[in-house]
Amino acid sequence: MTDLQKQSPPEESAVPAPAGGGPALPAALALPATLVGAAALVAVGSLWSLWYLPFAIGLPVGAVTAVRGLRARTAVLVAAVAAVAGWGTPLLWRVASGEAVAGTARTVAALAGLPALASLVVAVTLLIGLVLALLGVWLGRTAAAALRPGR
């Protein structure tokens, strides 16, 4: 074996090239790219009132990680970050643009019989997005395992 062959990285270090023949995405960039893409999709969807997108993102993330044999914590990490960042970014954008997010949150808390704390309502909102994403991951991983041939 030559020195060049010893130094070359193994074949598993990159995600397979797309069908169009484009360059392969290095494995080190696959997870961050998925995180950013999923969070952006959830954020844009939340601006369009598609509140269920954290669940819809969790389904394929859970299924793909199960099929590829990746750990469940990878799927949980991707879905959790996508949900919290996807729902939190539009909230921060609205706060920065001067909308009365805190006042609305205090009113919602008071109507729900909770202490009139804006941070409590925002935290519960982000927690709901997180739970939706985790349920999607669970269902995606379970469905992928149940549908796997040779079971």
N, C-alpha and C. Protein backbone atom coordinates (compact mmCIF):
# COMPACT_ATOMS: atom_id res chain seq x y z
N MET A 1 0.85 -1.17 0.00
CA MET A 1 0.00 0.00 0.00
C MET A 1 0.90 1.23 0.00
N THR A 2 0.60 2.19 -0.85
CA THR A 2 1.42 3.38 -0.95
C THR A 2 1.04 4.37 0.14
N ASP A 3 1.91 5.38 0.33
CA ASP A 3 1.64 6.41 1.33
C ASP A 3 0.39 7.19 1.00
N LEU A 4 0.11 7.39 -0.27
CA LEU A 4 -1.07 8.14 -0.68
C LEU A 4 -2.34 7.39 -0.30
N GLN A 5 -2.33 6.07 -0.46
CA GLN A 5 -3.51 5.28 -0.11
C GLN A 5 -3.73 5.26 1.40
N LYS A 6 -2.65 5.29 2.17
CA LYS A 6 -2.78 5.29 3.62
C LYS A 6 -3.37 6.59 4.14
N GLN A 7 -3.10 7.70 3.45
CA GLN A 7 -3.54 9.01 3.91
C GLN A 7 -4.94 9.38 3.43
N SER A 8 -5.46 8.71 2.43
CA SER A 8 -6.77 9.08 1.91
C SER A 8 -7.85 8.70 2.92
N PRO A 9 -8.85 9.57 3.05
CA PRO A 9 -9.91 9.29 4.02
C PRO A 9 -10.77 8.11 3.56
N PRO A 10 -11.42 7.44 4.49
CA PRO A 10 -12.27 6.32 4.09
C PRO A 10 -13.46 6.82 3.29
N GLU A 11 -14.07 5.91 2.56
CA GLU A 11 -15.20 6.25 1.69
C GLU A 11 -16.41 6.75 2.48
N GLU A 12 -16.54 6.38 3.75
CA GLU A 12 -17.71 6.73 4.54
C GLU A 12 -17.66 8.15 5.07
N SER A 13 -16.63 8.93 4.76
CA SER A 13 -16.49 10.25 5.34
C SER A 13 -17.32 11.30 4.62
N ALA A 14 -18.02 10.93 3.57
CA ALA A 14 -18.83 11.89 2.85
C ALA A 14 -20.20 11.30 2.56
N VAL A 15 -21.18 12.15 2.50
CA VAL A 15 -22.52 11.75 2.12
C VAL A 15 -22.48 11.45 0.62
N PRO A 16 -23.19 10.44 0.14
CA PRO A 16 -23.13 10.12 -1.29
C PRO A 16 -23.52 11.32 -2.14
N ALA A 17 -22.91 11.39 -3.33
CA ALA A 17 -23.18 12.49 -4.25
C ALA A 17 -24.62 12.43 -4.71
N PRO A 18 -25.24 13.60 -4.96
CA PRO A 18 -26.60 13.60 -5.45
C PRO A 18 -26.69 12.95 -6.82
N ALA A 19 -27.90 12.56 -7.21
CA ALA A 19 -28.10 11.86 -8.49
C ALA A 19 -27.68 12.71 -9.68
N GLY A 20 -27.72 14.01 -9.56
CA GLY A 20 -27.35 14.89 -10.66
C GLY A 20 -25.85 14.92 -10.91
N GLY A 21 -25.05 14.24 -10.10
CA GLY A 21 -23.62 14.19 -10.30
C GLY A 21 -22.87 15.33 -9.64
N GLY A 22 -23.52 16.07 -8.75
CA GLY A 22 -22.88 17.18 -8.06
C GLY A 22 -21.89 16.68 -7.03
N PRO A 23 -21.18 17.57 -6.40
CA PRO A 23 -20.19 17.15 -5.40
C PRO A 23 -20.87 16.59 -4.15
N ALA A 24 -20.18 15.68 -3.50
CA ALA A 24 -20.70 15.09 -2.26
C ALA A 24 -20.54 16.07 -1.11
N LEU A 25 -21.50 16.06 -0.21
CA LEU A 25 -21.44 16.91 0.97
C LEU A 25 -20.62 16.19 2.03
N PRO A 26 -19.56 16.81 2.55
CA PRO A 26 -18.78 16.13 3.59
C PRO A 26 -19.65 15.81 4.80
N ALA A 27 -19.35 14.68 5.43
CA ALA A 27 -20.15 14.23 6.56
C ALA A 27 -20.15 15.24 7.70
N ALA A 28 -19.05 16.00 7.85
CA ALA A 28 -18.98 16.99 8.91
C ALA A 28 -19.95 18.14 8.68
N LEU A 29 -20.38 18.36 7.44
CA LEU A 29 -21.31 19.45 7.14
C LEU A 29 -22.75 18.97 7.02
N ALA A 30 -22.98 17.67 6.98
CA ALA A 30 -24.34 17.16 6.79
C ALA A 30 -25.25 17.53 7.96
N LEU A 31 -24.78 17.36 9.19
CA LEU A 31 -25.61 17.67 10.35
C LEU A 31 -25.89 19.17 10.48
N PRO A 32 -24.87 20.05 10.39
CA PRO A 32 -25.18 21.48 10.46
C PRO A 32 -26.08 21.96 9.32
N ALA A 33 -25.89 21.41 8.13
CA ALA A 33 -26.73 21.80 7.01
C ALA A 33 -28.18 21.38 7.24
N THR A 34 -28.36 20.20 7.79
CA THR A 34 -29.71 19.73 8.11
C THR A 34 -30.34 20.59 9.20
N LEU A 35 -29.56 20.93 10.22
CA LEU A 35 -30.06 21.79 11.29
C LEU A 35 -30.53 23.13 10.76
N VAL A 36 -29.69 23.78 9.97
CA VAL A 36 -30.02 25.11 9.45
C VAL A 36 -31.22 25.03 8.51
N GLY A 37 -31.23 24.04 7.64
CA GLY A 37 -32.35 23.90 6.70
C GLY A 37 -33.67 23.63 7.39
N ALA A 38 -33.66 22.73 8.36
CA ALA A 38 -34.89 22.41 9.09
C ALA A 38 -35.37 23.60 9.91
N ALA A 39 -34.45 24.30 10.57
CA ALA A 39 -34.84 25.48 11.35
C ALA A 39 -35.40 26.57 10.45
N ALA A 40 -34.80 26.77 9.29
CA ALA A 40 -35.31 27.78 8.35
C ALA A 40 -36.70 27.40 7.85
N LEU A 41 -36.90 26.13 7.57
CA LEU A 41 -38.21 25.67 7.11
C LEU A 41 -39.28 25.89 8.18
N VAL A 42 -38.96 25.57 9.42
CA VAL A 42 -39.91 25.77 10.52
C VAL A 42 -40.17 27.27 10.72
N ALA A 43 -39.13 28.08 10.62
CA ALA A 43 -39.30 29.53 10.82
C ALA A 43 -40.18 30.14 9.74
N VAL A 44 -39.94 29.79 8.50
CA VAL A 44 -40.77 30.33 7.41
C VAL A 44 -42.20 29.81 7.54
N GLY A 45 -42.33 28.54 7.90
CA GLY A 45 -43.67 27.98 8.09
C GLY A 45 -44.42 28.63 9.23
N SER A 46 -43.71 28.99 10.29
CA SER A 46 -44.40 29.63 11.42
C SER A 46 -44.86 31.04 11.04
N LEU A 47 -44.16 31.68 10.14
CA LEU A 47 -44.63 32.99 9.66
C LEU A 47 -45.90 32.85 8.82
N TRP A 48 -46.10 31.68 8.23
CA TRP A 48 -47.30 31.40 7.43
C TRP A 48 -48.35 30.65 8.24
N SER A 49 -48.21 30.63 9.56
CA SER A 49 -49.14 29.98 10.48
C SER A 49 -49.20 28.47 10.32
N LEU A 50 -48.12 27.86 9.88
CA LEU A 50 -48.04 26.40 9.80
C LEU A 50 -47.41 25.89 11.09
N TRP A 51 -48.20 25.90 12.16
CA TRP A 51 -47.73 25.61 13.49
C TRP A 51 -47.27 24.17 13.66
N TYR A 52 -47.70 23.27 12.81
CA TYR A 52 -47.41 21.85 12.94
C TYR A 52 -46.08 21.44 12.28
N LEU A 53 -45.34 22.35 11.71
CA LEU A 53 -44.11 22.00 11.02
C LEU A 53 -43.04 21.35 11.90
N PRO A 54 -42.90 21.67 13.18
CA PRO A 54 -41.92 20.91 13.98
C PRO A 54 -42.21 19.41 13.98
N PHE A 55 -43.49 19.04 14.03
CA PHE A 55 -43.86 17.63 13.95
C PHE A 55 -43.54 17.08 12.56
N ALA A 56 -43.87 17.84 11.53
CA ALA A 56 -43.61 17.40 10.16
C ALA A 56 -42.12 17.30 9.86
N ILE A 57 -41.30 18.09 10.51
CA ILE A 57 -39.84 17.98 10.35
C ILE A 57 -39.32 16.77 11.13
N GLY A 58 -39.89 16.52 12.29
CA GLY A 58 -39.44 15.40 13.11
C GLY A 58 -39.68 14.05 12.47
N LEU A 59 -40.75 13.91 11.70
CA LEU A 59 -41.05 12.63 11.05
C LEU A 59 -39.92 12.17 10.13
N PRO A 60 -39.54 12.94 9.11
CA PRO A 60 -38.47 12.45 8.23
C PRO A 60 -37.11 12.38 8.93
N VAL A 61 -36.86 13.28 9.86
CA VAL A 61 -35.58 13.23 10.58
C VAL A 61 -35.49 11.92 11.36
N GLY A 62 -36.55 11.56 12.04
CA GLY A 62 -36.56 10.30 12.78
C GLY A 62 -36.46 9.09 11.87
N ALA A 63 -37.18 9.12 10.76
CA ALA A 63 -37.15 7.99 9.83
C ALA A 63 -35.79 7.82 9.17
N VAL A 64 -35.21 8.93 8.73
CA VAL A 64 -33.92 8.85 8.04
C VAL A 64 -32.82 8.38 8.99
N THR A 65 -32.82 8.89 10.20
CA THR A 65 -31.79 8.46 11.14
C THR A 65 -31.96 7.00 11.52
N ALA A 66 -33.19 6.52 11.58
CA ALA A 66 -33.42 5.10 11.89
C ALA A 66 -32.96 4.22 10.73
N VAL A 67 -33.28 4.62 9.51
CA VAL A 67 -32.90 3.83 8.34
C VAL A 67 -31.39 3.79 8.17
N ARG A 68 -30.74 4.91 8.43
CA ARG A 68 -29.28 4.97 8.28
C ARG A 68 -28.54 4.39 9.48
N GLY A 69 -29.26 4.00 10.50
CA GLY A 69 -28.64 3.38 11.66
C GLY A 69 -27.97 4.38 12.59
N LEU A 70 -28.37 5.64 12.52
CA LEU A 70 -27.80 6.66 13.41
C LEU A 70 -28.50 6.60 14.76
N ARG A 71 -27.87 7.14 15.76
CA ARG A 71 -28.44 7.13 17.10
C ARG A 71 -29.66 8.03 17.19
N ALA A 72 -30.53 7.70 18.12
CA ALA A 72 -31.74 8.49 18.32
C ALA A 72 -31.41 9.90 18.79
N ARG A 73 -30.31 10.06 19.52
CA ARG A 73 -30.00 11.40 20.02
C ARG A 73 -29.63 12.35 18.89
N THR A 74 -29.15 11.83 17.76
CA THR A 74 -28.89 12.69 16.60
C THR A 74 -30.20 13.25 16.08
N ALA A 75 -31.20 12.40 15.96
CA ALA A 75 -32.50 12.84 15.49
C ALA A 75 -33.13 13.82 16.47
N VAL A 76 -32.99 13.53 17.76
CA VAL A 76 -33.56 14.42 18.78
C VAL A 76 -32.88 15.78 18.73
N LEU A 77 -31.57 15.80 18.56
CA LEU A 77 -30.83 17.06 18.48
C LEU A 77 -31.29 17.89 17.29
N VAL A 78 -31.36 17.28 16.13
CA VAL A 78 -31.76 18.01 14.92
C VAL A 78 -33.18 18.56 15.07
N ALA A 79 -34.09 17.71 15.48
CA ALA A 79 -35.49 18.14 15.59
C ALA A 79 -35.68 19.18 16.68
N ALA A 80 -35.01 19.02 17.81
CA ALA A 80 -35.16 19.97 18.92
C ALA A 80 -34.62 21.35 18.53
N VAL A 81 -33.44 21.38 17.94
CA VAL A 81 -32.87 22.67 17.53
C VAL A 81 -33.71 23.31 16.44
N ALA A 82 -34.19 22.51 15.50
CA ALA A 82 -35.03 23.05 14.43
C ALA A 82 -36.32 23.65 14.98
N ALA A 83 -36.93 22.96 15.94
CA ALA A 83 -38.19 23.45 16.50
C ALA A 83 -38.00 24.72 17.30
N VAL A 84 -37.04 24.71 18.21
CA VAL A 84 -36.85 25.87 19.08
C VAL A 84 -36.33 27.07 18.28
N ALA A 85 -35.36 26.84 17.42
CA ALA A 85 -34.85 27.95 16.60
C ALA A 85 -35.89 28.40 15.58
N GLY A 86 -36.64 27.45 15.04
CA GLY A 86 -37.65 27.80 14.04
C GLY A 86 -38.81 28.59 14.61
N TRP A 87 -39.20 28.31 15.83
CA TRP A 87 -40.27 29.10 16.45
C TRP A 87 -39.73 30.33 17.17
N GLY A 88 -38.50 30.25 17.66
CA GLY A 88 -37.93 31.37 18.40
C GLY A 88 -37.47 32.52 17.52
N THR A 89 -36.96 32.21 16.34
CA THR A 89 -36.46 33.26 15.44
C THR A 89 -37.55 34.24 15.01
N PRO A 90 -38.73 33.78 14.57
CA PRO A 90 -39.78 34.75 14.25
C PRO A 90 -40.23 35.57 15.46
N LEU A 91 -40.23 34.96 16.64
CA LEU A 91 -40.58 35.73 17.84
C LEU A 91 -39.56 36.84 18.09
N LEU A 92 -38.29 36.50 17.98
CA LEU A 92 -37.24 37.52 18.15
C LEU A 92 -37.34 38.59 17.06
N TRP A 93 -37.65 38.18 15.85
CA TRP A 93 -37.79 39.15 14.75
C TRP A 93 -38.93 40.12 15.04
N ARG A 94 -40.03 39.60 15.55
CA ARG A 94 -41.17 40.47 15.86
C ARG A 94 -40.86 41.41 17.02
N VAL A 95 -40.11 40.93 18.00
CA VAL A 95 -39.70 41.79 19.11
C VAL A 95 -38.79 42.90 18.59
N ALA A 96 -37.84 42.54 17.73
CA ALA A 96 -36.90 43.52 17.19
C ALA A 96 -37.58 44.54 16.29
N SER A 97 -38.66 44.15 15.62
CA SER A 97 -39.36 45.09 14.75
C SER A 97 -40.38 45.94 15.50
N GLY A 98 -40.48 45.76 16.81
CA GLY A 98 -41.32 46.64 17.61
C GLY A 98 -42.73 46.15 17.86
N GLU A 99 -43.05 44.93 17.51
CA GLU A 99 -44.39 44.41 17.78
C GLU A 99 -44.54 44.15 19.28
N ALA A 100 -45.75 44.14 19.74
CA ALA A 100 -46.05 43.99 21.17
C ALA A 100 -46.13 42.52 21.56
N VAL A 101 -45.04 41.79 21.38
CA VAL A 101 -45.03 40.37 21.70
C VAL A 101 -45.16 40.17 23.21
N ALA A 102 -44.44 40.94 23.99
CA ALA A 102 -44.48 40.79 25.45
C ALA A 102 -45.87 41.13 26.00
N GLY A 103 -46.47 42.18 25.49
CA GLY A 103 -47.81 42.55 25.94
C GLY A 103 -48.83 41.48 25.60
N THR A 104 -48.74 40.93 24.41
CA THR A 104 -49.64 39.85 24.00
C THR A 104 -49.42 38.62 24.86
N ALA A 105 -48.16 38.30 25.14
CA ALA A 105 -47.86 37.13 25.96
C ALA A 105 -48.39 37.31 27.38
N ARG A 106 -48.28 38.51 27.93
CA ARG A 106 -48.82 38.76 29.28
C ARG A 106 -50.34 38.63 29.29
N THR A 107 -50.99 39.10 28.25
CA THR A 107 -52.44 38.98 28.16
C THR A 107 -52.86 37.52 28.06
N VAL A 108 -52.15 36.74 27.24
CA VAL A 108 -52.46 35.31 27.12
C VAL A 108 -52.26 34.61 28.45
N ALA A 109 -51.20 34.94 29.16
CA ALA A 109 -50.95 34.33 30.47
C ALA A 109 -52.07 34.69 31.45
N ALA A 110 -52.51 35.92 31.46
CA ALA A 110 -53.57 36.34 32.37
C ALA A 110 -54.88 35.65 32.03
N LEU A 111 -55.17 35.50 30.73
CA LEU A 111 -56.40 34.82 30.32
C LEU A 111 -56.36 33.33 30.66
N ALA A 112 -55.17 32.75 30.68
CA ALA A 112 -55.02 31.33 31.02
C ALA A 112 -54.99 31.11 32.53
N GLY A 113 -55.02 32.18 33.30
CA GLY A 113 -55.00 32.04 34.75
C GLY A 113 -53.60 31.85 35.31
N LEU A 114 -52.59 32.20 34.52
CA LEU A 114 -51.20 32.08 34.95
C LEU A 114 -50.69 33.45 35.38
N PRO A 115 -49.57 33.49 36.06
CA PRO A 115 -48.98 34.80 36.36
C PRO A 115 -48.69 35.55 35.06
N ALA A 116 -48.92 36.83 35.05
CA ALA A 116 -48.77 37.64 33.83
C ALA A 116 -47.30 37.86 33.50
N LEU A 117 -46.61 36.78 33.15
CA LEU A 117 -45.20 36.84 32.79
C LEU A 117 -45.05 36.49 31.32
N ALA A 118 -44.50 37.41 30.56
CA ALA A 118 -44.31 37.16 29.13
C ALA A 118 -43.33 36.02 28.90
N SER A 119 -42.31 35.94 29.72
CA SER A 119 -41.30 34.90 29.54
C SER A 119 -41.89 33.50 29.74
N LEU A 120 -42.87 33.37 30.61
CA LEU A 120 -43.52 32.09 30.85
C LEU A 120 -44.26 31.62 29.60
N VAL A 121 -44.99 32.52 28.97
CA VAL A 121 -45.74 32.16 27.77
C VAL A 121 -44.81 31.83 26.62
N VAL A 122 -43.75 32.59 26.47
CA VAL A 122 -42.78 32.31 25.41
C VAL A 122 -42.11 30.96 25.65
N ALA A 123 -41.74 30.68 26.89
CA ALA A 123 -41.12 29.39 27.21
C ALA A 123 -42.08 28.23 26.95
N VAL A 124 -43.34 28.38 27.31
CA VAL A 124 -44.33 27.33 27.05
C VAL A 124 -44.53 27.15 25.55
N THR A 125 -44.53 28.23 24.81
CA THR A 125 -44.68 28.16 23.35
C THR A 125 -43.53 27.37 22.73
N LEU A 126 -42.31 27.68 23.15
CA LEU A 126 -41.15 26.96 22.62
C LEU A 126 -41.15 25.50 23.08
N LEU A 127 -41.65 25.25 24.28
CA LEU A 127 -41.75 23.88 24.77
C LEU A 127 -42.75 23.07 23.95
N ILE A 128 -43.84 23.69 23.55
CA ILE A 128 -44.83 23.00 22.70
C ILE A 128 -44.20 22.63 21.36
N GLY A 129 -43.43 23.54 20.78
CA GLY A 129 -42.73 23.23 19.53
C GLY A 129 -41.75 22.09 19.71
N LEU A 130 -41.05 22.08 20.84
CA LEU A 130 -40.10 21.01 21.13
C LEU A 130 -40.81 19.67 21.26
N VAL A 131 -41.94 19.65 21.97
CA VAL A 131 -42.70 18.41 22.13
C VAL A 131 -43.23 17.92 20.79
N LEU A 132 -43.70 18.82 19.94
CA LEU A 132 -44.15 18.43 18.61
C LEU A 132 -43.02 17.76 17.82
N ALA A 133 -41.84 18.35 17.86
CA ALA A 133 -40.69 17.80 17.13
C ALA A 133 -40.30 16.43 17.67
N LEU A 134 -40.28 16.29 18.99
CA LEU A 134 -39.90 15.01 19.58
C LEU A 134 -40.92 13.92 19.29
N LEU A 135 -42.19 14.28 19.25
CA LEU A 135 -43.22 13.30 18.86
C LEU A 135 -43.04 12.88 17.41
N GLY A 136 -42.68 13.83 16.54
CA GLY A 136 -42.41 13.49 15.15
C GLY A 136 -41.23 12.54 15.01
N VAL A 137 -40.16 12.80 15.76
CA VAL A 137 -38.99 11.91 15.73
C VAL A 137 -39.38 10.52 16.20
N TRP A 138 -40.10 10.45 17.30
CA TRP A 138 -40.51 9.16 17.83
C TRP A 138 -41.34 8.38 16.81
N LEU A 139 -42.34 9.04 16.20
CA LEU A 139 -43.18 8.36 15.23
C LEU A 139 -42.40 7.98 13.98
N GLY A 140 -41.51 8.86 13.52
CA GLY A 140 -40.70 8.55 12.34
C GLY A 140 -39.78 7.36 12.57
N ARG A 141 -39.12 7.32 13.72
CA ARG A 141 -38.22 6.20 14.02
C ARG A 141 -39.01 4.90 14.21
N THR A 142 -40.17 5.00 14.85
CA THR A 142 -40.98 3.81 15.07
C THR A 142 -41.53 3.26 13.76
N ALA A 143 -42.02 4.14 12.90
CA ALA A 143 -42.55 3.70 11.61
C ALA A 143 -41.44 3.11 10.74
N ALA A 144 -40.26 3.71 10.75
CA ALA A 144 -39.15 3.18 9.95
C ALA A 144 -38.73 1.81 10.46
N ALA A 145 -38.73 1.63 11.76
CA ALA A 145 -38.36 0.33 12.31
C ALA A 145 -39.43 -0.73 12.01
N ALA A 146 -40.68 -0.34 12.04
CA ALA A 146 -41.77 -1.28 11.78
C ALA A 146 -41.84 -1.66 10.31
N LEU A 147 -41.49 -0.75 9.42
CA LEU A 147 -41.57 -1.01 7.99
C LEU A 147 -40.28 -1.57 7.40
N ARG A 148 -39.26 -1.72 8.23
CA ARG A 148 -37.96 -2.21 7.75
C ARG A 148 -38.12 -3.67 7.30
N PRO A 149 -37.68 -3.97 6.07
CA PRO A 149 -37.80 -5.36 5.60
C PRO A 149 -36.84 -6.27 6.37
N GLY A 150 -37.19 -7.51 6.49
CA GLY A 150 -36.36 -8.48 7.20
C GLY A 150 -36.44 -8.36 8.69
N ARG A 151 -37.51 -7.83 9.15
CA ARG A 151 -37.71 -7.61 10.58
C ARG A 151 -38.06 -8.86 11.29
